Amino acid sequence: FDAPLLTAISAGARTKMSQYCSQDFANTLWAFAHCGFEDVPLMEALSSEAMRQMNRLELQSVAVLVDAELSCSSTLLSRLQQAVARFLGTVPGDVDAWQGAGYADALSSVQVDNFGHGGNSIIFNCWGIVSPGGNWQSHAENVVMQHAASSERASKDGLVHKRVFSYAEYAVEARDSEPLSPRSGSLLRENGLRRSQDGDEHLPSSARCWINAFTLPINHLVDRALCAEFQLLEELVARLLACARRGGLRRLLLRGSVQVWVSGSCCLSCMGAFRQFQLLFPGLSLHISCQRD
């Protein structure tokens, strides 16, 4: 990065920070983080101004500021916690309810695409979803990094594509009068790609009826069915139902564990997909680790 240029930009931003709107905080944080340039005076100014505007900040920017771990973050966290609690109270509580408009209405009401690492951690905790063990997380990260290095994606028309990966390993069995042999496997998906990483054609649309992706309120033009997490869960649901052979209610008899590693913070569409998966397979222990953006 060009340190003198970024220092000059920082100085100019600090003089205009009193004019910042809510989105400007998130944009400034993202830009300097993306450049890998640490500017303590700028971060202190952002924190101070965010506190001054705290009651006017949009919730999406609050989530970004909390994750930035600035001096204002602990104060803003309480507002994020309250918003997440209200949101959780509107999330459908059973499988059938997810086929209605309840979750879409909840997203429209909250006007947030992503609660960030901090907000999502609160949600996972409420749903009883914990992180996998540290050794497994390191293993998953190595798998993803090796895949990413061997499958570079060229930028198109000068646009930079943010690569997001989701990796999972599962081990399940069915416990009833017709027990299944234990089944295990792994999946790796990348956002934006509709072909599975092992070269097989991706699932037909008929396989998507069990879980739904949702349009988000801010970036509403993005197809969330292309998210790495959703694609992974979409295929995992199909595999598990195939394990159960007859599908339907026999899915309730599956026992085992699913461990998931995601390279970034999940959007609220994918958070909803994880909840749908959890409700579809209540006998499976779901462990998720999302890396900080």
C-alpha atoms as a PDB file:
ATOM      1  CA  PHE A   1       0.000   0.000   0.000  1.00  0.00           C
ATOM      2  CA  ASP A   2       0.989   3.614  -0.442  1.00  0.00           C
ATOM      3  CA  ALA A   3       1.437   4.804   3.174  1.00  0.00           C
ATOM      4  CA  PRO A   4       1.808   8.550   2.397  1.00  0.00           C
ATOM      5  CA  LEU A   5      -1.338   8.493   0.267  1.00  0.00           C
ATOM      6  CA  LEU A   6      -3.378   6.645   2.885  1.00  0.00           C
ATOM      7  CA  THR A   7      -2.081   8.954   5.616  1.00  0.00           C
ATOM      8  CA  ALA A   8      -3.237  11.956   3.586  1.00  0.00           C
ATOM      9  CA  ILE A   9      -6.644  10.346   2.978  1.00  0.00           C
ATOM     10  CA  SER A  10      -6.931   9.637   6.684  1.00  0.00           C
ATOM     11  CA  ALA A  11      -6.144  13.246   7.589  1.00  0.00           C
ATOM     12  CA  GLY A  12      -8.749  14.502   5.145  1.00  0.00           C
ATOM     13  CA  ALA A  13     -11.352  12.043   6.435  1.00  0.00           C
ATOM     14  CA  ARG A  14     -10.853  13.138  10.031  1.00  0.00           C
ATOM     15  CA  THR A  15     -11.613  16.759   9.153  1.00  0.00           C
ATOM     16  CA  LYS A  16     -14.925  15.748   7.565  1.00  0.00           C
ATOM     17  CA  MET A  17     -15.990  13.034   9.988  1.00  0.00           C
ATOM     18  CA  SER A  18     -18.653  15.198  11.598  1.00  0.00           C
ATOM     19  CA  GLN A  19     -20.438  15.041   8.243  1.00  0.00           C
ATOM     20  CA  TYR A  20     -20.361  11.241   8.113  1.00  0.00           C
ATOM     21  CA  CYS A  21     -23.563   9.347   7.494  1.00  0.00           C
ATOM     22  CA  SER A  22     -24.013   5.839   8.875  1.00  0.00           C
ATOM     23  CA  GLN A  23     -22.664   4.063   5.795  1.00  0.00           C
ATOM     24  CA  ASP A  24     -19.488   6.165   5.775  1.00  0.00           C
ATOM     25  CA  PHE A  25     -18.257   4.522   8.974  1.00  0.00           C
ATOM     26  CA  ALA A  26     -18.470   1.036   7.484  1.00  0.00           C
ATOM     27  CA  ASN A  27     -16.963   2.149   4.165  1.00  0.00           C
ATOM     28  CA  THR A  28     -13.963   3.787   5.848  1.00  0.00           C
ATOM     29  CA  LEU A  29     -13.306   0.804   8.076  1.00  0.00           C
ATOM     30  CA  TRP A  30     -13.540  -1.615   5.158  1.00  0.00           C
ATOM     31  CA  ALA A  31     -11.278   0.449   2.901  1.00  0.00           C
ATOM     32  CA  PHE A  32      -8.441   0.761   5.400  1.00  0.00           C
ATOM     33  CA  ALA A  33      -8.757  -2.857   6.536  1.00  0.00           C
ATOM     34  CA  HIS A  34      -8.667  -4.007   2.914  1.00  0.00           C
ATOM     35  CA  CYS A  35      -5.453  -2.075   2.394  1.00  0.00           C
ATOM     36  CA  GLY A  36      -3.953  -3.526   5.553  1.00  0.00           C
ATOM     37  CA  PHE A  37      -3.093  -0.046   6.794  1.00  0.00           C
ATOM     38  CA  GLU A  38      -3.355   0.571  10.542  1.00  0.00           C
ATOM     39  CA  ASP A  39      -4.118   4.187  11.331  1.00  0.00           C
ATOM     40  CA  VAL A  40      -4.654   4.697  15.046  1.00  0.00           C
ATOM     41  CA  PRO A  41      -5.706   8.391  14.849  1.00  0.00           C
ATOM     42  CA  LEU A  42      -8.310   7.528  12.220  1.00  0.00           C
ATOM     43  CA  MET A  43      -9.720   4.643  14.275  1.00  0.00           C
ATOM     44  CA  GLU A  44      -9.902   6.852  17.367  1.00  0.00           C
ATOM     45  CA  ALA A  45     -11.698   9.552  15.395  1.00  0.00           C
ATOM     46  CA  LEU A  46     -14.141   6.993  13.953  1.00  0.00           C
ATOM     47  CA  SER A  47     -14.863   5.666  17.422  1.00  0.00           C
ATOM     48  CA  SER A  48     -15.393   9.121  18.893  1.00  0.00           C
ATOM     49  CA  GLU A  49     -17.728  10.206  16.104  1.00  0.00           C
ATOM     50  CA  ALA A  50     -19.640   6.914  16.236  1.00  0.00           C
ATOM     51  CA  MET A  51     -20.320   7.504  19.910  1.00  0.00           C
ATOM     52  CA  ARG A  52     -21.558  11.001  19.141  1.00  0.00           C
ATOM     53  CA  GLN A  53     -23.913   9.653  16.484  1.00  0.00           C
ATOM     54  CA  MET A  54     -24.752   6.427  18.314  1.00  0.00           C
ATOM     55  CA  ASN A  55     -28.512   6.943  18.363  1.00  0.00           C
ATOM     56  CA  ARG A  56     -28.583   7.753  14.652  1.00  0.00           C
ATOM     57  CA  LEU A  57     -26.397   4.923  13.370  1.00  0.00           C
ATOM     58  CA  GLU A  58     -28.067   2.306  11.218  1.00  0.00           C
ATOM     59  CA  LEU A  59     -27.934  -1.182  12.675  1.00  0.00           C
ATOM     60  CA  GLN A  60     -25.785  -2.552   9.831  1.00  0.00           C
ATOM     61  CA  SER A  61     -23.087   0.001  10.620  1.00  0.00           C
ATOM     62  CA  VAL A  62     -23.360  -0.795  14.324  1.00  0.00           C
ATOM     63  CA  ALA A  63     -22.588  -4.446  13.528  1.00  0.00           C
ATOM     64  CA  VAL A  64     -19.515  -3.416  11.512  1.00  0.00           C
ATOM     65  CA  LEU A  65     -18.260  -1.111  14.262  1.00  0.00           C
ATOM     66  CA  VAL A  66     -18.698  -3.816  16.908  1.00  0.00           C
ATOM     67  CA  ASP A  67     -16.598  -6.240  14.889  1.00  0.00           C
ATOM     68  CA  ALA A  68     -13.919  -3.573  14.353  1.00  0.00           C
ATOM     69  CA  GLU A  69     -13.102  -3.728  18.072  1.00  0.00           C
ATOM     70  CA  LEU A  70     -12.765   0.022  18.475  1.00  0.00           C
ATOM     71  CA  SER A  71     -13.050   1.785  21.823  1.00  0.00           C
ATOM     72  CA  CYS A  72     -16.741   2.386  21.065  1.00  0.00           C
ATOM     73  CA  SER A  73     -17.438  -1.281  20.280  1.00  0.00           C
ATOM     74  CA  SER A  74     -18.344  -2.416  23.795  1.00  0.00           C
ATOM     75  CA  THR A  75     -20.909   0.375  24.128  1.00  0.00           C
ATOM     76  CA  LEU A  76     -22.405  -0.345  20.710  1.00  0.00           C
ATOM     77  CA  LEU A  77     -22.542  -4.051  21.511  1.00  0.00           C
ATOM     78  CA  SER A  78     -25.441  -3.525  23.899  1.00  0.00           C
ATOM     79  CA  ARG A  79     -27.497  -1.983  21.104  1.00  0.00           C
ATOM     80  CA  LEU A  80     -26.594  -4.886  18.811  1.00  0.00           C
ATOM     81  CA  GLN A  81     -27.558  -7.403  21.488  1.00  0.00           C
ATOM     82  CA  GLN A  82     -30.966  -5.794  21.888  1.00  0.00           C
ATOM     83  CA  ALA A  83     -31.563  -5.822  18.132  1.00  0.00           C
ATOM     84  CA  VAL A  84     -30.503  -9.464  17.820  1.00  0.00           C
ATOM     85  CA  ALA A  85     -32.820 -10.428  20.683  1.00  0.00           C
ATOM     86  CA  ARG A  86     -35.766  -8.766  18.934  1.00  0.00           C
ATOM     87  CA  PHE A  87     -34.824 -10.459  15.664  1.00  0.00           C
ATOM     88  CA  LEU A  88     -34.607 -13.895  17.270  1.00  0.00           C
ATOM     89  CA  GLY A  89     -38.126 -13.445  18.578  1.00  0.00           C
ATOM     90  CA  THR A  90     -39.412 -13.244  14.988  1.00  0.00           C
ATOM     91  CA  VAL A  91     -37.516 -16.250  13.558  1.00  0.00           C
ATOM     92  CA  PRO A  92     -39.798 -19.206  12.627  1.00  0.00           C
ATOM     93  CA  GLY A  93     -39.621 -22.017  15.147  1.00  0.00           C
ATOM     94  CA  ASP A  94     -40.533 -25.070  13.066  1.00  0.00           C
ATOM     95  CA  VAL A  95     -39.832 -26.497   9.617  1.00  0.00           C
ATOM     96  CA  ASP A  96     -43.231 -25.746   8.098  1.00  0.00           C
ATOM     97  CA  ALA A  97     -43.153 -22.104   9.201  1.00  0.00           C
ATOM     98  CA  TRP A  98     -40.024 -21.545   7.081  1.00  0.00           C
ATOM     99  CA  GLN A  99     -42.101 -22.126   3.958  1.00  0.00           C
ATOM    100  CA  GLY A 100     -44.148 -19.026   4.739  1.00  0.00           C
ATOM    101  CA  ALA A 101     -43.320 -15.325   4.779  1.00  0.00           C
ATOM    102  CA  GLY A 102     -42.231 -15.126   8.414  1.00  0.00           C
ATOM    103  CA  TYR A 103     -38.471 -14.977   7.913  1.00  0.00           C
ATOM    104  CA  ALA A 104     -38.708 -12.645   4.926  1.00  0.00           C
ATOM    105  CA  ASP A 105     -40.819 -10.317   7.063  1.00  0.00           C
ATOM    106  CA  ALA A 106     -38.249 -10.507   9.869  1.00  0.00           C
ATOM    107  CA  LEU A 107     -35.471  -9.510   7.449  1.00  0.00           C
ATOM    108  CA  SER A 108     -37.518  -6.624   6.107  1.00  0.00           C
ATOM    109  CA  SER A 109     -38.165  -5.394   9.626  1.00  0.00           C
ATOM    110  CA  VAL A 110     -34.556  -5.548  10.852  1.00  0.00           C
ATOM    111  CA  GLN A 111     -33.036  -3.956   7.707  1.00  0.00           C
ATOM    112  CA  VAL A 112     -29.713  -5.733   8.148  1.00  0.00           C
ATOM    113  CA  ASP A 113     -27.895  -8.094   5.775  1.00  0.00           C
ATOM    114  CA  ASN A 114     -25.328  -9.357   8.247  1.00  0.00           C
ATOM    115  CA  PHE A 115     -25.095  -9.042  12.037  1.00  0.00           C
ATOM    116  CA  GLY A 116     -21.343  -9.562  11.810  1.00  0.00           C
ATOM    117  CA  HIS A 117     -19.210 -11.951  13.789  1.00  0.00           C
ATOM    118  CA  GLY A 118     -20.397 -10.588  17.128  1.00  0.00           C
ATOM    119  CA  GLY A 119     -24.098 -10.642  16.318  1.00  0.00           C
ATOM    120  CA  ASN A 120     -23.974 -14.056  14.660  1.00  0.00           C
ATOM    121  CA  SER A 121     -22.183 -15.479  17.697  1.00  0.00           C
ATOM    122  CA  ILE A 122     -25.130 -14.393  19.839  1.00  0.00           C
ATOM    123  CA  ILE A 123     -27.528 -16.122  17.445  1.00  0.00           C
ATOM    124  CA  PHE A 124     -25.529 -19.354  17.297  1.00  0.00           C
ATOM    125  CA  ASN A 125     -25.355 -19.402  21.081  1.00  0.00           C
ATOM    126  CA  CYS A 126     -29.130 -18.995  21.320  1.00  0.00           C
ATOM    127  CA  TRP A 127     -29.621 -21.898  18.886  1.00  0.00           C
ATOM    128  CA  GLY A 128     -27.216 -24.133  20.775  1.00  0.00           C
ATOM    129  CA  ILE A 129     -24.641 -24.146  17.981  1.00  0.00           C
ATOM    130  CA  VAL A 130     -21.039 -24.209  19.199  1.00  0.00           C
ATOM    131  CA  SER A 131     -17.684 -24.013  17.441  1.00  0.00           C
ATOM    132  CA  PRO A 132     -15.801 -27.151  16.409  1.00  0.00           C
ATOM    133  CA  GLY A 133     -12.589 -28.009  18.195  1.00  0.00           C
ATOM    134  CA  GLY A 134      -9.479 -26.009  17.443  1.00  0.00           C
ATOM    135  CA  ASN A 135      -7.678 -28.903  15.747  1.00  0.00           C
ATOM    136  CA  TRP A 136     -10.558 -29.498  13.376  1.00  0.00           C
ATOM    137  CA  GLN A 137     -10.765 -25.780  12.554  1.00  0.00           C
ATOM    138  CA  SER A 138      -7.078 -25.782  11.636  1.00  0.00           C
ATOM    139  CA  HIS A 139      -7.612 -28.854   9.478  1.00  0.00           C
ATOM    140  CA  ALA A 140     -10.581 -27.254   7.707  1.00  0.00           C
ATOM    141  CA  GLU A 141      -8.678 -24.031   7.091  1.00  0.00           C
ATOM    142  CA  ASN A 142      -5.797 -25.982   5.540  1.00  0.00           C
ATOM    143  CA  VAL A 143      -8.192 -27.843   3.233  1.00  0.00           C
ATOM    144  CA  VAL A 144      -9.760 -24.579   2.086  1.00  0.00           C
ATOM    145  CA  MET A 145      -6.442 -22.774   1.638  1.00  0.00           C
ATOM    146  CA  GLN A 146      -5.056 -25.610  -0.480  1.00  0.00           C
ATOM    147  CA  HIS A 147      -8.159 -25.598  -2.633  1.00  0.00           C
ATOM    148  CA  ALA A 148      -8.114 -21.817  -3.036  1.00  0.00           C
ATOM    149  CA  ALA A 149      -4.445 -21.857  -4.085  1.00  0.00           C
ATOM    150  CA  SER A 150      -5.067 -24.543  -6.695  1.00  0.00           C
ATOM    151  CA  SER A 151      -8.154 -22.921  -8.218  1.00  0.00           C
ATOM    152  CA  GLU A 152      -7.534 -19.218  -8.748  1.00  0.00           C
ATOM    153  CA  ARG A 153     -10.459 -17.185 -10.084  1.00  0.00           C
ATOM    154  CA  ALA A 154      -9.540 -14.431 -12.506  1.00  0.00           C
ATOM    155  CA  SER A 155     -11.034 -10.985 -12.001  1.00  0.00           C
ATOM    156  CA  LYS A 156     -13.506  -9.923 -14.651  1.00  0.00           C
ATOM    157  CA  ASP A 157     -13.659  -6.464 -16.196  1.00  0.00           C
ATOM    158  CA  GLY A 158     -11.421  -5.120 -13.438  1.00  0.00           C
ATOM    159  CA  LEU A 159     -13.836  -6.186 -10.687  1.00  0.00           C
ATOM    160  CA  VAL A 160     -12.464  -7.823  -7.557  1.00  0.00           C
ATOM    161  CA  HIS A 161     -14.467 -10.884  -6.522  1.00  0.00           C
ATOM    162  CA  LYS A 162     -14.435 -11.708  -2.832  1.00  0.00           C
ATOM    163  CA  ARG A 163     -14.032 -15.448  -2.502  1.00  0.00           C
ATOM    164  CA  VAL A 164     -15.972 -17.053   0.314  1.00  0.00           C
ATOM    165  CA  PHE A 165     -15.566 -20.741   1.131  1.00  0.00           C
ATOM    166  CA  SER A 166     -17.564 -23.169   3.197  1.00  0.00           C
ATOM    167  CA  TYR A 167     -16.249 -26.587   4.172  1.00  0.00           C
ATOM    168  CA  ALA A 168     -18.022 -29.337   6.099  1.00  0.00           C
ATOM    169  CA  GLU A 169     -17.446 -32.854   7.338  1.00  0.00           C
ATOM    170  CA  TYR A 170     -20.279 -35.073   8.537  1.00  0.00           C
ATOM    171  CA  ALA A 171     -20.779 -38.490  10.104  1.00  0.00           C
ATOM    172  CA  VAL A 172     -24.323 -39.827  10.551  1.00  0.00           C
ATOM    173  CA  GLU A 173     -26.301 -42.982  11.170  1.00  0.00           C
ATOM    174  CA  ALA A 174     -29.981 -43.824  11.525  1.00  0.00           C
ATOM    175  CA  ARG A 175     -31.292 -45.437  14.688  1.00  0.00           C
ATOM    176  CA  ASP A 176     -34.498 -47.370  14.120  1.00  0.00           C
ATOM    177  CA  SER A 177     -35.655 -50.851  13.155  1.00  0.00           C
ATOM    178  CA  GLU A 178     -33.684 -50.586   9.898  1.00  0.00           C
ATOM    179  CA  PRO A 179     -30.330 -49.195  11.027  1.00  0.00           C
ATOM    180  CA  LEU A 180     -28.026 -47.723   8.426  1.00  0.00           C
ATOM    181  CA  SER A 181     -24.320 -48.190   8.299  1.00  0.00           C
ATOM    182  CA  PRO A 182     -22.594 -44.991   9.397  1.00  0.00           C
ATOM    183  CA  ARG A 183     -22.189 -42.522   6.550  1.00  0.00           C
ATOM    184  CA  SER A 184     -19.532 -39.844   6.447  1.00  0.00           C
ATOM    185  CA  GLY A 185     -18.137 -37.385   3.962  1.00  0.00           C
ATOM    186  CA  SER A 186     -17.021 -33.854   3.268  1.00  0.00           C
ATOM    187  CA  LEU A 187     -18.153 -30.928   1.123  1.00  0.00           C
ATOM    188  CA  LEU A 188     -16.445 -27.767  -0.092  1.00  0.00           C
ATOM    189  CA  ARG A 189     -18.269 -24.922  -1.765  1.00  0.00           C
ATOM    190  CA  GLU A 190     -17.323 -21.461  -2.999  1.00  0.00           C
ATOM    191  CA  ASN A 191     -19.684 -18.541  -3.467  1.00  0.00           C
ATOM    192  CA  GLY A 192     -20.911 -17.875  -6.964  1.00  0.00           C
ATOM    193  CA  LEU A 193     -20.139 -21.320  -8.411  1.00  0.00           C
ATOM    194  CA  ARG A 194     -23.012 -23.634  -9.253  1.00  0.00           C
ATOM    195  CA  ARG A 195     -20.910 -26.713  -9.924  1.00  0.00           C
ATOM    196  CA  SER A 196     -19.691 -28.935  -7.123  1.00  0.00           C
ATOM    197  CA  GLN A 197     -15.980 -28.911  -6.440  1.00  0.00           C
ATOM    198  CA  ASP A 198     -15.592 -32.617  -7.289  1.00  0.00           C
ATOM    199  CA  GLY A 199     -16.769 -31.977 -10.848  1.00  0.00           C
ATOM    200  CA  ASP A 200     -20.301 -33.360 -10.569  1.00  0.00           C
ATOM    201  CA  GLU A 201     -23.228 -31.311 -11.751  1.00  0.00           C
ATOM    202  CA  HIS A 202     -24.860 -29.400  -8.973  1.00  0.00           C
ATOM    203  CA  LEU A 203     -28.203 -30.368  -7.510  1.00  0.00           C
ATOM    204  CA  PRO A 204     -31.370 -29.934  -9.604  1.00  0.00           C
ATOM    205  CA  SER A 205     -33.878 -27.363  -8.454  1.00  0.00           C
ATOM    206  CA  SER A 206     -36.098 -30.112  -7.013  1.00  0.00           C
ATOM    207  CA  ALA A 207     -33.468 -30.704  -4.316  1.00  0.00           C
ATOM    208  CA  ARG A 208     -33.889 -27.189  -2.961  1.00  0.00           C
ATOM    209  CA  CYS A 209     -37.392 -27.544  -1.570  1.00  0.00           C
ATOM    210  CA  TRP A 210     -36.203 -28.419   1.926  1.00  0.00           C
ATOM    211  CA  ILE A 211     -34.316 -25.181   2.661  1.00  0.00           C
ATOM    212  CA  ASN A 212     -34.796 -21.683   1.283  1.00  0.00           C
ATOM    213  CA  ALA A 213     -32.511 -18.751   0.540  1.00  0.00           C
ATOM    214  CA  PHE A 214     -33.843 -15.253   1.152  1.00  0.00           C
ATOM    215  CA  THR A 215     -33.467 -11.851  -0.468  1.00  0.00           C
ATOM    216  CA  LEU A 216     -31.750  -9.462   1.911  1.00  0.00           C
ATOM    217  CA  PRO A 217     -32.967  -5.901   2.549  1.00  0.00           C
ATOM    218  CA  ILE A 218     -29.795  -3.969   1.625  1.00  0.00           C
ATOM    219  CA  ASN A 219     -28.020  -5.910  -1.144  1.00  0.00           C
ATOM    220  CA  HIS A 220     -31.281  -7.169  -2.549  1.00  0.00           C
ATOM    221  CA  LEU A 221     -29.945  -7.875  -6.063  1.00  0.00           C
ATOM    222  CA  VAL A 222     -27.576 -10.612  -4.840  1.00  0.00           C
ATOM    223  CA  ASP A 223     -28.822 -14.179  -5.319  1.00  0.00           C
ATOM    224  CA  ARG A 224     -28.240 -15.719  -1.902  1.00  0.00           C
ATOM    225  CA  ALA A 225     -28.668 -19.222  -3.307  1.00  0.00           C
ATOM    226  CA  LEU A 226     -25.131 -18.646  -4.634  1.00  0.00           C
ATOM    227  CA  CYS A 227     -23.653 -18.202  -1.155  1.00  0.00           C
ATOM    228  CA  ALA A 228     -21.085 -20.859  -0.300  1.00  0.00           C
ATOM    229  CA  GLU A 229     -22.882 -21.792   2.927  1.00  0.00           C
ATOM    230  CA  PHE A 230     -26.257 -22.212   1.247  1.00  0.00           C
ATOM    231  CA  GLN A 231     -24.867 -24.328  -1.573  1.00  0.00           C
ATOM    232  CA  LEU A 232     -23.105 -26.548   0.938  1.00  0.00           C
ATOM    233  CA  LEU A 233     -26.222 -27.023   3.053  1.00  0.00           C
ATOM    234  CA  GLU A 234     -28.354 -27.565  -0.034  1.00  0.00           C
ATOM    235  CA  GLU A 235     -26.290 -30.545  -1.103  1.00  0.00           C
ATOM    236  CA  LEU A 236     -25.781 -31.807   2.425  1.00  0.00           C
ATOM    237  CA  VAL A 237     -29.557 -31.941   2.936  1.00  0.00           C
ATOM    238  CA  ALA A 238     -29.895 -34.011  -0.252  1.00  0.00           C
ATOM    239  CA  ARG A 239     -27.144 -36.407   0.850  1.00  0.00           C
ATOM    240  CA  LEU A 240     -28.643 -36.880   4.295  1.00  0.00           C
ATOM    241  CA  LEU A 241     -32.119 -37.476   2.928  1.00  0.00           C
ATOM    242  CA  ALA A 242     -30.620 -40.059   0.599  1.00  0.00           C
ATOM    243  CA  CYS A 243     -29.062 -41.699   3.675  1.00  0.00           C
ATOM    244  CA  ALA A 244     -32.506 -41.875   5.235  1.00  0.00           C
ATOM    245  CA  ARG A 245     -33.747 -43.462   1.988  1.00  0.00           C
ATOM    246  CA  ARG A 246     -37.404 -42.701   2.521  1.00  0.00           C
ATOM    247  CA  GLY A 247     -36.780 -39.067   3.464  1.00  0.00           C
ATOM    248  CA  GLY A 248     -39.653 -37.341   5.179  1.00  0.00           C
ATOM    249  CA  LEU A 249     -39.985 -38.104   8.877  1.00  0.00           C
ATOM    250  CA  ARG A 250     -37.173 -40.687   8.868  1.00  0.00           C
ATOM    251  CA  ARG A 251     -34.764 -37.730   8.785  1.00  0.00           C
ATOM    252  CA  LEU A 252     -35.697 -37.270  12.456  1.00  0.00           C
ATOM    253  CA  LEU A 253     -33.995 -40.584  13.250  1.00  0.00           C
ATOM    254  CA  LEU A 254     -30.588 -39.537  11.944  1.00  0.00           C
ATOM    255  CA  ARG A 255     -27.924 -39.145  14.599  1.00  0.00           C
ATOM    256  CA  GLY A 256     -24.402 -37.830  14.302  1.00  0.00           C
ATOM    257  CA  SER A 257     -22.494 -34.603  13.816  1.00  0.00           C
ATOM    258  CA  VAL A 258     -21.850 -31.954  11.189  1.00  0.00           C
ATOM    259  CA  GLN A 259     -18.899 -29.570  11.436  1.00  0.00           C
ATOM    260  CA  VAL A 260     -18.760 -26.459   9.246  1.00  0.00           C
ATOM    261  CA  TRP A 261     -15.991 -23.923   8.623  1.00  0.00           C
ATOM    262  CA  VAL A 262     -16.839 -20.647   6.839  1.00  0.00           C
ATOM    263  CA  SER A 263     -14.219 -18.154   5.685  1.00  0.00           C
ATOM    264  CA  GLY A 264     -16.280 -15.090   6.625  1.00  0.00           C
ATOM    265  CA  SER A 265     -19.280 -13.854   8.544  1.00  0.00           C
ATOM    266  CA  CYS A 266     -22.561 -15.400   7.361  1.00  0.00           C
ATOM    267  CA  CYS A 267     -25.302 -13.212   5.905  1.00  0.00           C
ATOM    268  CA  LEU A 268     -28.763 -13.508   7.444  1.00  0.00           C
ATOM    269  CA  SER A 269     -29.995 -15.637   4.557  1.00  0.00           C
ATOM    270  CA  CYS A 270     -27.330 -18.241   5.359  1.00  0.00           C
ATOM    271  CA  MET A 271     -27.973 -17.924   9.078  1.00  0.00           C
ATOM    272  CA  GLY A 272     -31.552 -18.812   8.245  1.00  0.00           C
ATOM    273  CA  ALA A 273     -30.344 -21.776   6.180  1.00  0.00           C
ATOM    274  CA  PHE A 274     -28.379 -23.097   9.156  1.00  0.00           C
ATOM    275  CA  ARG A 275     -31.465 -22.804  11.343  1.00  0.00           C
ATOM    276  CA  GLN A 276     -33.584 -24.621   8.762  1.00  0.00           C
ATOM    277  CA  PHE A 277     -30.989 -27.392   8.607  1.00  0.00           C
ATOM    278  CA  GLN A 278     -30.961 -27.666  12.395  1.00  0.00           C
ATOM    279  CA  LEU A 279     -34.746 -27.997  12.508  1.00  0.00           C
ATOM    280  CA  LEU A 280     -34.767 -30.551   9.679  1.00  0.00           C
ATOM    281  CA  PHE A 281     -32.243 -32.776  11.446  1.00  0.00           C
ATOM    282  CA  PRO A 282     -32.707 -32.251  15.200  1.00  0.00           C
ATOM    283  CA  GLY A 283     -30.744 -35.426  15.978  1.00  0.00           C
ATOM    284  CA  LEU A 284     -27.558 -34.054  14.446  1.00  0.00           C
ATOM    285  CA  SER A 285     -25.073 -31.997  16.424  1.00  0.00           C
ATOM    286  CA  LEU A 286     -24.201 -28.889  14.394  1.00  0.00           C
ATOM    287  CA  HIS A 287     -20.886 -27.115  14.964  1.00  0.00           C
ATOM    288  CA  ILE A 288     -19.995 -23.942  13.039  1.00  0.00           C
ATOM    289  CA  SER A 289     -16.893 -21.768  12.917  1.00  0.00           C
ATOM    290  CA  CYS A 290     -17.059 -18.455  11.025  1.00  0.00           C
ATOM    291  CA  GLN A 291     -13.865 -16.490  10.531  1.00  0.00           C
ATOM    292  CA  ARG A 292     -13.706 -12.753  11.094  1.00  0.00           C
ATOM    293  CA  ASP A 293     -13.925 -10.692   7.897  1.00  0.00           C
END
